[in-house]
Structures are given as C-alpha cells and as structure tokens.
Amino acid sequence: ILSPVLSTSLYFIVFGAAIGSRMGDIEGVSYGAFIIPGLIMLSLL
C-alpha cells in the first residue's frame, strides 16, 4: 500500500504542482487535476 501511494505522490509533486502550475487548462480542467484519474488508473491496473 504505502509504496504505490508514495510513488504516485511523486507524480503529483512533479506533474501536478511543479509542471502543472506552468501549463494551461485542458478542456477547462487544470492540468494537475486532469491527470488525477490517469494516475489512479496507472496504479490501479
């Protein structure tokens, strides 16, 4: 449990907070929020 959660947290830090803050919205959704379903699916599968 903890290892996958920590690994996904790194994606949020890098893509959501760092890179996402410099990117525009995608279909009206901020980039950081847009990748949440994809990251959950990545871990879930």
All heavy atoms as atom14 arrays in JSON, in Angstrom:
{
  "sequence": "ILSPVLSTSLYFIVFGAAIGSRMGDIEGVSYGAFIIPGLIMLSLL",
  "atom14_mask": [
    [1, 1, 1, 1, 1, 1, 1, 1, 0, 0, 0, 0, 0, 0],
    [1, 1, 1, 1, 1, 1, 1, 1, 0, 0, 0, 0, 0, 0],
    [1, 1, 1, 1, 1, 1, 0, 0, 0, 0, 0, 0, 0, 0],
    [1, 1, 1, 1, 1, 1, 1, 0, 0, 0, 0, 0, 0, 0],
    [1, 1, 1, 1, 1, 1, 1, 0, 0, 0, 0, 0, 0, 0],
    [1, 1, 1, 1, 1, 1, 1, 1, 0, 0, 0, 0, 0, 0],
    [1, 1, 1, 1, 1, 1, 0, 0, 0, 0, 0, 0, 0, 0],
    [1, 1, 1, 1, 1, 1, 1, 0, 0, 0, 0, 0, 0, 0],
    [1, 1, 1, 1, 1, 1, 0, 0, 0, 0, 0, 0, 0, 0],
    [1, 1, 1, 1, 1, 1, 1, 1, 0, 0, 0, 0, 0, 0],
    [1, 1, 1, 1, 1, 1, 1, 1, 1, 1, 1, 1, 0, 0],
    [1, 1, 1, 1, 1, 1, 1, 1, 1, 1, 1, 0, 0, 0],
    [1, 1, 1, 1, 1, 1, 1, 1, 0, 0, 0, 0, 0, 0],
    [1, 1, 1, 1, 1, 1, 1, 0, 0, 0, 0, 0, 0, 0],
    [1, 1, 1, 1, 1, 1, 1, 1, 1, 1, 1, 0, 0, 0],
    [1, 1, 1, 1, 0, 0, 0, 0, 0, 0, 0, 0, 0, 0],
    [1, 1, 1, 1, 1, 0, 0, 0, 0, 0, 0, 0, 0, 0],
    [1, 1, 1, 1, 1, 0, 0, 0, 0, 0, 0, 0, 0, 0],
    [1, 1, 1, 1, 1, 1, 1, 1, 0, 0, 0, 0, 0, 0],
    [1, 1, 1, 1, 0, 0, 0, 0, 0, 0, 0, 0, 0, 0],
    [1, 1, 1, 1, 1, 1, 0, 0, 0, 0, 0, 0, 0, 0],
    [1, 1, 1, 1, 1, 1, 1, 1, 1, 1, 1, 0, 0, 0],
    [1, 1, 1, 1, 1, 1, 1, 1, 0, 0, 0, 0, 0, 0],
    [1, 1, 1, 1, 0, 0, 0, 0, 0, 0, 0, 0, 0, 0],
    [1, 1, 1, 1, 1, 1, 1, 1, 0, 0, 0, 0, 0, 0],
    [1, 1, 1, 1, 1, 1, 1, 1, 0, 0, 0, 0, 0, 0],
    [1, 1, 1, 1, 1, 1, 1, 1, 1, 0, 0, 0, 0, 0],
    [1, 1, 1, 1, 0, 0, 0, 0, 0, 0, 0, 0, 0, 0],
    [1, 1, 1, 1, 1, 1, 1, 0, 0, 0, 0, 0, 0, 0],
    [1, 1, 1, 1, 1, 1, 0, 0, 0, 0, 0, 0, 0, 0],
    [1, 1, 1, 1, 1, 1, 1, 1, 1, 1, 1, 1, 0, 0],
    [1, 1, 1, 1, 0, 0, 0, 0, 0, 0, 0, 0, 0, 0],
    [1, 1, 1, 1, 1, 0, 0, 0, 0, 0, 0, 0, 0, 0],
    [1, 1, 1, 1, 1, 1, 1, 1, 1, 1, 1, 0, 0, 0],
    [1, 1, 1, 1, 1, 1, 1, 1, 0, 0, 0, 0, 0, 0],
    [1, 1, 1, 1, 1, 1, 1, 1, 0, 0, 0, 0, 0, 0],
    [1, 1, 1, 1, 1, 1, 1, 0, 0, 0, 0, 0, 0, 0],
    [1, 1, 1, 1, 0, 0, 0, 0, 0, 0, 0, 0, 0, 0],
    [1, 1, 1, 1, 1, 1, 1, 1, 0, 0, 0, 0, 0, 0],
    [1, 1, 1, 1, 1, 1, 1, 1, 0, 0, 0, 0, 0, 0],
    [1, 1, 1, 1, 1, 1, 1, 1, 0, 0, 0, 0, 0, 0],
    [1, 1, 1, 1, 1, 1, 1, 1, 0, 0, 0, 0, 0, 0],
    [1, 1, 1, 1, 1, 1, 0, 0, 0, 0, 0, 0, 0, 0],
    [1, 1, 1, 1, 1, 1, 1, 1, 0, 0, 0, 0, 0, 0],
    [1, 1, 1, 1, 1, 1, 1, 1, 0, 0, 0, 0, 0, 0]
  ],
  "atom14_positions": [
    [[0.81, -1.22, 0.0], [0.0, 0.0, 0.0], [0.85, 1.27, 0.0], [0.7, 2.13, -0.88], [-0.96, 0.02, 1.22], [-1.88, -1.21, 1.19], [-1.76, 1.31, 1.22], [-2.84, -1.26, 0.03], [0.0, 0.0, 0.0], [0.0, 0.0, 0.0], [0.0, 0.0, 0.0], [0.0, 0.0, 0.0], [0.0, 0.0, 0.0], [0.0, 0.0, 0.0]],
    [[1.75, 1.38, 0.97], [2.48, 2.64, 1.14], [3.4, 2.96, -0.03], [3.48, 4.12, -0.47], [3.28, 2.59, 2.45], [2.47, 2.48, 3.74], [3.39, 2.49, 4.94], [1.46, 3.62, 3.83], [0.0, 0.0, 0.0], [0.0, 0.0, 0.0], [0.0, 0.0, 0.0], [0.0, 0.0, 0.0], [0.0, 0.0, 0.0], [0.0, 0.0, 0.0]],
    [[4.07, 1.96, -0.57], [5.0, 2.21, -1.67], [4.3, 2.75, -2.91], [4.74, 3.76, -3.48], [5.76, 0.91, -2.01], [6.65, 1.13, -3.07], [0.0, 0.0, 0.0], [0.0, 0.0, 0.0], [0.0, 0.0, 0.0], [0.0, 0.0, 0.0], [0.0, 0.0, 0.0], [0.0, 0.0, 0.0], [0.0, 0.0, 0.0], [0.0, 0.0, 0.0]],
    [[3.18, 2.15, -3.38], [2.49, 2.74, -4.53], [1.95, 4.14, -4.27], [1.96, 4.99, -5.16], [1.34, 1.74, -4.79], [1.78, 0.47, -4.19], [2.6, 0.85, -3.0], [0.0, 0.0, 0.0], [0.0, 0.0, 0.0], [0.0, 0.0, 0.0], [0.0, 0.0, 0.0], [0.0, 0.0, 0.0], [0.0, 0.0, 0.0], [0.0, 0.0, 0.0]],
    [[1.47, 4.38, -3.04], [0.95, 5.71, -2.71], [2.07, 6.75, -2.76], [1.9, 7.85, -3.31], [0.27, 5.72, -1.33], [-0.07, 7.14, -0.89], [-1.0, 4.87, -1.36], [0.0, 0.0, 0.0], [0.0, 0.0, 0.0], [0.0, 0.0, 0.0], [0.0, 0.0, 0.0], [0.0, 0.0, 0.0], [0.0, 0.0, 0.0], [0.0, 0.0, 0.0]],
    [[3.24, 6.41, -2.21], [4.36, 7.34, -2.24], [4.85, 7.58, -3.66], [5.2, 8.71, -4.02], [5.5, 6.79, -1.37], [5.27, 6.79, 0.14], [6.42, 6.11, 0.86], [5.08, 8.21, 0.66], [0.0, 0.0, 0.0], [0.0, 0.0, 0.0], [0.0, 0.0, 0.0], [0.0, 0.0, 0.0], [0.0, 0.0, 0.0], [0.0, 0.0, 0.0]],
    [[4.88, 6.52, -4.47], [5.31, 6.67, -5.86], [4.37, 7.59, -6.62], [4.81, 8.46, -7.39], [5.36, 5.3, -6.55], [6.29, 4.45, -5.91], [0.0, 0.0, 0.0], [0.0, 0.0, 0.0], [0.0, 0.0, 0.0], [0.0, 0.0, 0.0], [0.0, 0.0, 0.0], [0.0, 0.0, 0.0], [0.0, 0.0, 0.0], [0.0, 0.0, 0.0]],
    [[3.07, 7.42, -6.41], [2.09, 8.27, -7.09], [2.17, 9.7, -6.59], [1.96, 10.65, -7.34], [0.67, 7.72, -6.89], [0.64, 6.35, -7.27], [-0.34, 8.49, -7.73], [0.0, 0.0, 0.0], [0.0, 0.0, 0.0], [0.0, 0.0, 0.0], [0.0, 0.0, 0.0], [0.0, 0.0, 0.0], [0.0, 0.0, 0.0], [0.0, 0.0, 0.0]],
    [[2.49, 9.88, -5.3], [2.64, 11.22, -4.75], [3.75, 11.99, -5.47], [3.66, 13.21, -5.67], [2.96, 11.15, -3.25], [1.89, 10.56, -2.54], [0.0, 0.0, 0.0], [0.0, 0.0, 0.0], [0.0, 0.0, 0.0], [0.0, 0.0, 0.0], [0.0, 0.0, 0.0], [0.0, 0.0, 0.0], [0.0, 0.0, 0.0], [0.0, 0.0, 0.0]],
    [[4.81, 11.28, -5.88], [5.89, 11.93, -6.62], [5.38, 12.45, -7.97], [5.79, 13.53, -8.41], [7.04, 10.94, -6.85], [7.81, 10.51, -5.59], [8.87, 9.47, -5.96], [8.46, 11.72, -4.94], [0.0, 0.0, 0.0], [0.0, 0.0, 0.0], [0.0, 0.0, 0.0], [0.0, 0.0, 0.0], [0.0, 0.0, 0.0], [0.0, 0.0, 0.0]],
    [[4.48, 11.7, -8.61], [3.88, 12.18, -9.86], [3.1, 13.47, -9.61], [3.15, 14.42, -10.4], [2.95, 11.12, -10.45], [3.64, 10.0, -11.17], [3.72, 8.72, -10.6], [4.19, 10.19, -12.43], [4.34, 7.68, -11.26], [4.81, 9.15, -13.11], [4.88, 7.9, -12.51], [5.5, 6.86, -13.17], [0.0, 0.0, 0.0], [0.0, 0.0, 0.0]],
    [[2.35, 13.49, -8.52], [1.58, 14.7, -8.2], [2.49, 15.89, -7.94], [2.2, 17.01, -8.35], [0.68, 14.46, -6.99], [-0.52, 13.62, -7.27], [-0.76, 12.45, -6.56], [-1.43, 13.99, -8.24], [-1.87, 11.66, -6.82], [-2.55, 13.22, -8.5], [-2.77, 12.06, -7.8], [0.0, 0.0, 0.0], [0.0, 0.0, 0.0], [0.0, 0.0, 0.0]],
    [[3.59, 15.64, -7.25], [4.53, 16.73, -6.95], [5.15, 17.27, -8.22], [5.22, 18.48, -8.44], [5.62, 16.24, -5.97], [5.0, 15.92, -4.61], [6.71, 17.3, -5.82], [5.95, 15.24, -3.65], [0.0, 0.0, 0.0], [0.0, 0.0, 0.0], [0.0, 0.0, 0.0], [0.0, 0.0, 0.0], [0.0, 0.0, 0.0], [0.0, 0.0, 0.0]],
    [[5.61, 16.35, -9.09], [6.32, 16.77, -10.3], [5.36, 17.3, -11.36], [5.51, 18.43, -11.86], [7.14, 15.59, -10.88], [7.76, 15.98, -12.22], [8.21, 15.16, -9.89], [0.0, 0.0, 0.0], [0.0, 0.0, 0.0], [0.0, 0.0, 0.0], [0.0, 0.0, 0.0], [0.0, 0.0, 0.0], [0.0, 0.0, 0.0], [0.0, 0.0, 0.0]],
    [[4.32, 16.5, -11.7], [3.43, 16.89, -12.79], [2.31, 17.81, -12.32], [1.89, 18.71, -13.06], [2.82, 15.64, -13.44], [3.8, 14.82, -14.21], [4.4, 13.71, -13.64], [4.14, 15.17, -15.51], [5.31, 12.96, -14.35], [5.06, 14.42, -16.23], [5.65, 13.31, -15.65], [0.0, 0.0, 0.0], [0.0, 0.0, 0.0], [0.0, 0.0, 0.0]],
    [[1.82, 17.57, -11.11], [0.7, 18.38, -10.64], [1.1, 19.74, -10.12], [0.59, 20.77, -10.55], [0.0, 0.0, 0.0], [0.0, 0.0, 0.0], [0.0, 0.0, 0.0], [0.0, 0.0, 0.0], [0.0, 0.0, 0.0], [0.0, 0.0, 0.0], [0.0, 0.0, 0.0], [0.0, 0.0, 0.0], [0.0, 0.0, 0.0], [0.0, 0.0, 0.0]],
    [[2.06, 19.75, -9.19], [2.45, 21.01, -8.55], [3.49, 21.78, -9.34], [3.34, 22.98, -9.58], [2.97, 20.71, -7.14], [0.0, 0.0, 0.0], [0.0, 0.0, 0.0], [0.0, 0.0, 0.0], [0.0, 0.0, 0.0], [0.0, 0.0, 0.0], [0.0, 0.0, 0.0], [0.0, 0.0, 0.0], [0.0, 0.0, 0.0], [0.0, 0.0, 0.0]],
    [[4.57, 21.08, -9.77], [5.67, 21.78, -10.45], [5.34, 22.12, -11.9], [5.26, 23.29, -12.28], [6.93, 20.92, -10.37], [0.0, 0.0, 0.0], [0.0, 0.0, 0.0], [0.0, 0.0, 0.0], [0.0, 0.0, 0.0], [0.0, 0.0, 0.0], [0.0, 0.0, 0.0], [0.0, 0.0, 0.0], [0.0, 0.0, 0.0], [0.0, 0.0, 0.0]],
    [[5.12, 21.1, -12.71], [4.85, 21.33, -14.14], [3.43, 21.83, -14.36], [3.19, 22.71, -15.18], [5.09, 20.03, -14.94], [6.56, 19.6, -14.81], [4.7, 20.21, -16.4], [6.88, 18.3, -15.5], [0.0, 0.0, 0.0], [0.0, 0.0, 0.0], [0.0, 0.0, 0.0], [0.0, 0.0, 0.0], [0.0, 0.0, 0.0], [0.0, 0.0, 0.0]],
    [[2.47, 21.28, -13.62], [1.07, 21.64, -13.83], [0.8, 23.11, -13.61], [-0.07, 23.7, -14.28], [0.0, 0.0, 0.0], [0.0, 0.0, 0.0], [0.0, 0.0, 0.0], [0.0, 0.0, 0.0], [0.0, 0.0, 0.0], [0.0, 0.0, 0.0], [0.0, 0.0, 0.0], [0.0, 0.0, 0.0], [0.0, 0.0, 0.0], [0.0, 0.0, 0.0]],
    [[1.52, 23.74, -12.67], [1.3, 25.16, -12.41], [1.73, 26.04, -13.57], [1.34, 27.2, -13.66], [2.07, 25.56, -11.14], [3.46, 25.35, -11.3], [0.0, 0.0, 0.0], [0.0, 0.0, 0.0], [0.0, 0.0, 0.0], [0.0, 0.0, 0.0], [0.0, 0.0, 0.0], [0.0, 0.0, 0.0], [0.0, 0.0, 0.0], [0.0, 0.0, 0.0]],
    [[2.55, 25.5, -14.48], [3.04, 26.27, -15.62], [2.28, 25.96, -16.91], [2.6, 26.51, -17.95], [4.54, 25.99, -15.83], [5.4, 26.39, -14.63], [6.84, 25.99, -14.84], [7.64, 26.35, -13.68], [8.27, 27.51, -13.54], [8.16, 28.43, -14.5], [8.99, 27.76, -12.47], [0.0, 0.0, 0.0], [0.0, 0.0, 0.0], [0.0, 0.0, 0.0]],
    [[1.34, 25.03, -16.83], [0.57, 24.63, -18.01], [-0.85, 25.17, -17.92], [-1.37, 25.42, -16.83], [0.54, 23.1, -18.14], [1.9, 22.48, -18.36], [1.81, 20.71, -18.66], [0.92, 20.66, -20.22], [0.0, 0.0, 0.0], [0.0, 0.0, 0.0], [0.0, 0.0, 0.0], [0.0, 0.0, 0.0], [0.0, 0.0, 0.0], [0.0, 0.0, 0.0]],
    [[-1.46, 25.34, -19.08], [-2.83, 25.82, -19.11], [-3.84, 24.72, -18.82], [-3.48, 23.56, -18.61], [0.0, 0.0, 0.0], [0.0, 0.0, 0.0], [0.0, 0.0, 0.0], [0.0, 0.0, 0.0], [0.0, 0.0, 0.0], [0.0, 0.0, 0.0], [0.0, 0.0, 0.0], [0.0, 0.0, 0.0], [0.0, 0.0, 0.0], [0.0, 0.0, 0.0]],
    [[-5.09, 25.11, -18.81], [-6.15, 24.13, -18.57], [-6.33, 23.23, -19.77], [-6.05, 23.61, -20.92], [-7.47, 24.85, -18.26], [-7.41, 25.61, -16.94], [-6.44, 25.42, -16.2], [-8.35, 26.39, -16.67], [0.0, 0.0, 0.0], [0.0, 0.0, 0.0], [0.0, 0.0, 0.0], [0.0, 0.0, 0.0], [0.0, 0.0, 0.0], [0.0, 0.0, 0.0]],
    [[-6.82, 22.03, -19.51], [-7.19, 21.08, -20.57], [-8.68, 20.84, -20.48], [-9.16, 20.31, -19.47], [-6.42, 19.76, -20.44], [-4.91, 19.99, -20.51], [-6.85, 18.78, -21.53], [-4.09, 18.74, -20.32], [0.0, 0.0, 0.0], [0.0, 0.0, 0.0], [0.0, 0.0, 0.0], [0.0, 0.0, 0.0], [0.0, 0.0, 0.0], [0.0, 0.0, 0.0]],
    [[-9.42, 21.27, -21.49], [-10.88, 21.14, -21.53], [-11.51, 21.75, -20.28], [-12.46, 21.2, -19.72], [-11.27, 19.67, -21.69], [-10.74, 19.04, -22.97], [-11.21, 17.61, -23.15], [-12.21, 17.23, -22.53], [-10.57, 16.87, -23.91], [0.0, 0.0, 0.0], [0.0, 0.0, 0.0], [0.0, 0.0, 0.0], [0.0, 0.0, 0.0], [0.0, 0.0, 0.0]],
    [[-10.94, 22.88, -19.85], [-11.5, 23.59, -18.71], [-11.09, 23.06, -17.35], [-11.59, 23.51, -16.33], [0.0, 0.0, 0.0], [0.0, 0.0, 0.0], [0.0, 0.0, 0.0], [0.0, 0.0, 0.0], [0.0, 0.0, 0.0], [0.0, 0.0, 0.0], [0.0, 0.0, 0.0], [0.0, 0.0, 0.0], [0.0, 0.0, 0.0], [0.0, 0.0, 0.0]],
    [[-10.17, 22.09, -17.34], [-9.71, 21.48, -16.09], [-8.21, 21.76, -15.94], [-7.45, 21.61, -16.89], [-9.96, 19.96, -16.07], [-9.51, 19.34, -14.75], [-11.43, 19.66, -16.33], [0.0, 0.0, 0.0], [0.0, 0.0, 0.0], [0.0, 0.0, 0.0], [0.0, 0.0, 0.0], [0.0, 0.0, 0.0], [0.0, 0.0, 0.0], [0.0, 0.0, 0.0]],
    [[-7.78, 22.17, -14.75], [-6.36, 22.41, -14.53], [-5.57, 21.13, -14.77], [-6.07, 20.02, -14.53], [-6.11, 22.92, -13.11], [-6.38, 21.91, -12.16], [0.0, 0.0, 0.0], [0.0, 0.0, 0.0], [0.0, 0.0, 0.0], [0.0, 0.0, 0.0], [0.0, 0.0, 0.0], [0.0, 0.0, 0.0], [0.0, 0.0, 0.0], [0.0, 0.0, 0.0]],
    [[-4.33, 21.28, -15.23], [-3.55, 20.1, -15.59], [-3.34, 19.17, -14.39], [-3.42, 17.95, -14.51], [-2.19, 20.51, -16.16], [-1.38, 19.34, -16.63], [-1.71, 18.66, -17.8], [-0.28, 18.88, -15.89], [-0.98, 17.56, -18.22], [0.46, 17.79, -16.31], [0.1, 17.14, -17.48], [0.82, 16.04, -17.89], [0.0, 0.0, 0.0], [0.0, 0.0, 0.0]],
    [[-3.07, 19.75, -13.23], [-2.87, 18.93, -12.04], [-4.07, 18.07, -11.72], [-3.95, 16.9, -11.34], [0.0, 0.0, 0.0], [0.0, 0.0, 0.0], [0.0, 0.0, 0.0], [0.0, 0.0, 0.0], [0.0, 0.0, 0.0], [0.0, 0.0, 0.0], [0.0, 0.0, 0.0], [0.0, 0.0, 0.0], [0.0, 0.0, 0.0], [0.0, 0.0, 0.0]],
    [[-5.27, 18.65, -11.85], [-6.5, 17.88, -11.6], [-6.79, 16.91, -12.74], [-7.31, 15.81, -12.52], [-7.67, 18.84, -11.41], [0.0, 0.0, 0.0], [0.0, 0.0, 0.0], [0.0, 0.0, 0.0], [0.0, 0.0, 0.0], [0.0, 0.0, 0.0], [0.0, 0.0, 0.0], [0.0, 0.0, 0.0], [0.0, 0.0, 0.0], [0.0, 0.0, 0.0]],
    [[-6.42, 17.31, -13.96], [-6.72, 16.49, -15.13], [-6.03, 15.13, -15.07], [-6.59, 14.13, -15.54], [-6.29, 17.24, -16.4], [-6.64, 16.54, -17.67], [-7.9, 16.67, -18.24], [-5.7, 15.74, -18.33], [-8.23, 16.02, -19.42], [-6.02, 15.09, -19.51], [-7.28, 15.24, -20.06], [0.0, 0.0, 0.0], [0.0, 0.0, 0.0], [0.0, 0.0, 0.0]],
    [[-4.82, 15.08, -14.51], [-4.07, 13.82, -14.51], [-4.43, 12.9, -13.36], [-3.95, 11.76, -13.32], [-2.55, 14.1, -14.5], [-2.13, 14.77, -13.18], [-2.12, 14.91, -15.71], [-0.64, 14.92, -13.03], [0.0, 0.0, 0.0], [0.0, 0.0, 0.0], [0.0, 0.0, 0.0], [0.0, 0.0, 0.0], [0.0, 0.0, 0.0], [0.0, 0.0, 0.0]],
    [[-5.26, 13.36, -12.43], [-5.61, 12.51, -11.27], [-6.23, 11.19, -11.7], [-5.78, 10.12, -11.25], [-6.54, 13.27, -10.3], [-5.77, 14.38, -9.59], [-7.14, 12.32, -9.26], [-6.64, 15.27, -8.72], [0.0, 0.0, 0.0], [0.0, 0.0, 0.0], [0.0, 0.0, 0.0], [0.0, 0.0, 0.0], [0.0, 0.0, 0.0], [0.0, 0.0, 0.0]],
    [[-7.26, 11.16, -12.57], [-7.82, 9.86, -12.97], [-6.8, 8.96, -13.65], [-6.79, 7.74, -13.42], [-8.95, 10.26, -13.94], [-9.3, 11.66, -13.56], [-8.01, 12.28, -13.14], [0.0, 0.0, 0.0], [0.0, 0.0, 0.0], [0.0, 0.0, 0.0], [0.0, 0.0, 0.0], [0.0, 0.0, 0.0], [0.0, 0.0, 0.0], [0.0, 0.0, 0.0]],
    [[-5.93, 9.55, -14.48], [-4.91, 8.75, -15.15], [-3.92, 8.14, -14.19], [-3.52, 6.97, -14.33], [0.0, 0.0, 0.0], [0.0, 0.0, 0.0], [0.0, 0.0, 0.0], [0.0, 0.0, 0.0], [0.0, 0.0, 0.0], [0.0, 0.0, 0.0], [0.0, 0.0, 0.0], [0.0, 0.0, 0.0], [0.0, 0.0, 0.0], [0.0, 0.0, 0.0]],
    [[-3.5, 8.89, -13.18], [-2.56, 8.38, -12.2], [-3.19, 7.29, -11.34], [-2.53, 6.3, -10.98], [-2.05, 9.52, -11.31], [-1.07, 10.49, -11.97], [-0.72, 11.62, -11.02], [0.2, 9.75, -12.41], [0.0, 0.0, 0.0], [0.0, 0.0, 0.0], [0.0, 0.0, 0.0], [0.0, 0.0, 0.0], [0.0, 0.0, 0.0], [0.0, 0.0, 0.0]],
    [[-4.45, 7.47, -11.0], [-5.14, 6.42, -10.23], [-5.23, 5.14, -11.05], [-4.97, 4.04, -10.56], [-6.54, 6.89, -9.79], [-6.42, 8.04, -8.78], [-7.33, 5.73, -9.18], [-7.75, 8.65, -8.39], [0.0, 0.0, 0.0], [0.0, 0.0, 0.0], [0.0, 0.0, 0.0], [0.0, 0.0, 0.0], [0.0, 0.0, 0.0], [0.0, 0.0, 0.0]],
    [[-5.57, 5.28, -12.33], [-5.65, 4.12, -13.22], [-4.29, 3.46, -13.37], [-4.18, 2.23, -13.42], [-6.2, 4.53, -14.59], [-7.7, 4.62, -14.65], [-8.44, 2.98, -14.49], [-10.16, 3.41, -14.27], [0.0, 0.0, 0.0], [0.0, 0.0, 0.0], [0.0, 0.0, 0.0], [0.0, 0.0, 0.0], [0.0, 0.0, 0.0], [0.0, 0.0, 0.0]],
    [[-3.24, 4.26, -13.49], [-1.89, 3.71, -13.64], [-1.55, 2.8, -12.47], [-1.02, 1.7, -12.67], [-0.88, 4.87, -13.73], [0.59, 4.48, -13.88], [0.81, 3.74, -15.19], [1.47, 5.72, -13.81], [0.0, 0.0, 0.0], [0.0, 0.0, 0.0], [0.0, 0.0, 0.0], [0.0, 0.0, 0.0], [0.0, 0.0, 0.0], [0.0, 0.0, 0.0]],
    [[-1.85, 3.22, -11.26], [-1.58, 2.4, -10.08], [-2.57, 1.25, -9.96], [-2.2, 0.12, -9.62], [-1.64, 3.25, -8.82], [-0.64, 4.23, -8.82], [0.0, 0.0, 0.0], [0.0, 0.0, 0.0], [0.0, 0.0, 0.0], [0.0, 0.0, 0.0], [0.0, 0.0, 0.0], [0.0, 0.0, 0.0], [0.0, 0.0, 0.0], [0.0, 0.0, 0.0]],
    [[-3.83, 1.53, -10.27], [-4.88, 0.53, -10.1], [-4.66, -0.68, -11.02], [-4.78, -1.83, -10.58], [-6.25, 1.15, -10.39], [-7.47, 0.33, -9.98], [-7.61, 0.29, -8.48], [-8.73, 0.92, -10.6], [0.0, 0.0, 0.0], [0.0, 0.0, 0.0], [0.0, 0.0, 0.0], [0.0, 0.0, 0.0], [0.0, 0.0, 0.0], [0.0, 0.0, 0.0]],
    [[-4.32, -0.43, -12.27], [-4.13, -1.53, -13.21], [-2.94, -2.4, -12.8], [-3.03, -3.63, -12.77], [-3.91, -0.99, -14.63], [-5.02, -0.14, -15.24], [-4.74, 0.15, -16.7], [-6.38, -0.8, -15.09], [0.0, 0.0, 0.0], [0.0, 0.0, 0.0], [0.0, 0.0, 0.0], [0.0, 0.0, 0.0], [0.0, 0.0, 0.0], [0.0, 0.0, 0.0]]
  ]
}
